Amino acid sequence: MPSRLDQMRANPAGDWSIDDVAALCREHAIRCIPPSGGGSHWKVSDPTQHDILTIPFRRPVKPVYIRRLVRFVNAVREVRDAKT
């Protein structure tokens, strides 16, 4: 079975939830912080990246955010692979 990352890459318009986003982040040891102070956006970050990706809680998560998340995970993996 393809990995969650491969599935998201192949079908960004799928019925993805914020739980799927959080699970993908856990799989790749990327920080995924729930909203605080009444906000509705989760924050995805990693020390290897300058940007912080924000993803709204709404379900399903829109394809644009899934595409950004896939690019973010790929960028993290590239940096980590280059260090090994």
Protein backbone atom coordinates (compact mmCIF):
# COMPACT_ATOMS: atom_id res chain seq x y z
CA MET A 1 0.00 0.00 0.00
CA PRO A 2 1.32 3.47 -0.85
CA SER A 3 2.43 5.70 1.99
CA ARG A 4 0.16 8.47 3.24
CA LEU A 5 2.49 11.00 1.60
CA ASP A 6 2.21 9.20 -1.76
CA GLN A 7 -1.57 9.05 -1.40
CA MET A 8 -1.79 12.77 -0.67
CA ARG A 9 0.53 13.56 -3.58
CA ALA A 10 -1.60 11.44 -5.94
CA ASN A 11 -4.97 12.70 -4.69
CA PRO A 12 -4.80 16.12 -3.00
CA ALA A 13 -8.56 16.51 -3.50
CA GLY A 14 -9.29 13.41 -1.41
CA ASP A 15 -11.35 13.51 1.75
CA TRP A 16 -8.36 14.51 3.93
CA SER A 17 -8.93 15.60 7.50
CA ILE A 18 -6.70 17.46 9.92
CA ASP A 19 -6.13 14.07 11.60
CA ASP A 20 -4.52 12.88 8.35
CA VAL A 21 -2.35 16.00 8.29
CA ALA A 22 -1.28 15.43 11.91
CA ALA A 23 -0.57 11.74 11.22
CA LEU A 24 1.62 12.59 8.22
CA CYS A 25 3.54 15.09 10.32
CA ARG A 26 4.06 12.47 13.06
CA GLU A 27 5.32 9.96 10.49
CA HIS A 28 7.98 12.45 9.41
CA ALA A 29 8.72 13.94 12.86
CA ILE A 30 7.40 17.35 11.82
CA ARG A 31 5.78 19.63 14.39
CA CYS A 32 2.01 20.04 13.95
CA ILE A 33 0.49 22.33 16.56
CA PRO A 34 -3.29 22.67 17.07
CA PRO A 35 -4.89 26.11 17.17
CA SER A 36 -4.75 28.08 20.38
CA GLY A 37 -6.54 31.16 21.60
CA GLY A 38 -9.69 30.63 19.53
CA GLY A 39 -7.99 30.28 16.15
CA SER A 40 -8.85 27.62 13.60
CA HIS A 41 -5.51 27.04 11.87
CA TRP A 42 -3.00 24.31 12.69
CA LYS A 43 0.68 25.26 12.39
CA VAL A 44 3.12 22.91 10.70
CA SER A 45 6.81 23.67 11.21
CA ASP A 46 10.24 22.11 11.26
CA PRO A 47 13.64 23.52 12.28
CA THR A 48 14.95 22.79 8.76
CA GLN A 49 12.44 25.22 7.21
CA HIS A 50 12.07 28.98 7.49
CA ASP A 51 8.35 28.99 6.74
CA ILE A 52 5.48 27.88 8.94
CA LEU A 53 2.62 26.25 7.07
CA THR A 54 -0.87 27.06 8.37
CA ILE A 55 -3.74 24.69 7.62
CA PRO A 56 -7.37 25.42 8.51
CA PHE A 57 -9.26 22.84 10.56
CA ARG A 58 -12.13 22.67 8.06
CA ARG A 59 -12.96 19.23 6.66
CA PRO A 60 -12.15 18.17 4.10
CA VAL A 61 -8.84 20.01 3.99
CA LYS A 62 -8.74 21.85 0.66
CA PRO A 63 -6.42 20.47 -2.06
CA VAL A 64 -4.27 23.61 -2.04
CA TYR A 65 -3.27 22.94 1.58
CA ILE A 66 -2.56 19.26 0.91
CA ARG A 67 -0.29 20.25 -2.02
CA ARG A 68 1.55 22.74 0.22
CA LEU A 69 1.91 20.10 2.93
CA VAL A 70 3.35 17.57 0.45
CA ARG A 71 5.88 20.19 -0.74
CA PHE A 72 6.74 21.04 2.88
CA VAL A 73 7.34 17.37 3.80
CA ASN A 74 9.42 16.87 0.65
CA ALA A 75 11.56 19.91 1.53
CA VAL A 76 12.12 18.61 5.07
CA ARG A 77 13.07 15.17 3.75
CA GLU A 78 15.53 16.67 1.24
CA VAL A 79 17.35 18.62 3.96
CA ARG A 80 17.43 15.65 6.30
CA ASP A 81 18.63 13.28 3.55
CA ALA A 82 21.39 15.74 2.62
CA LYS A 83 22.66 15.70 6.20
CA THR A 84 23.04 11.91 6.30
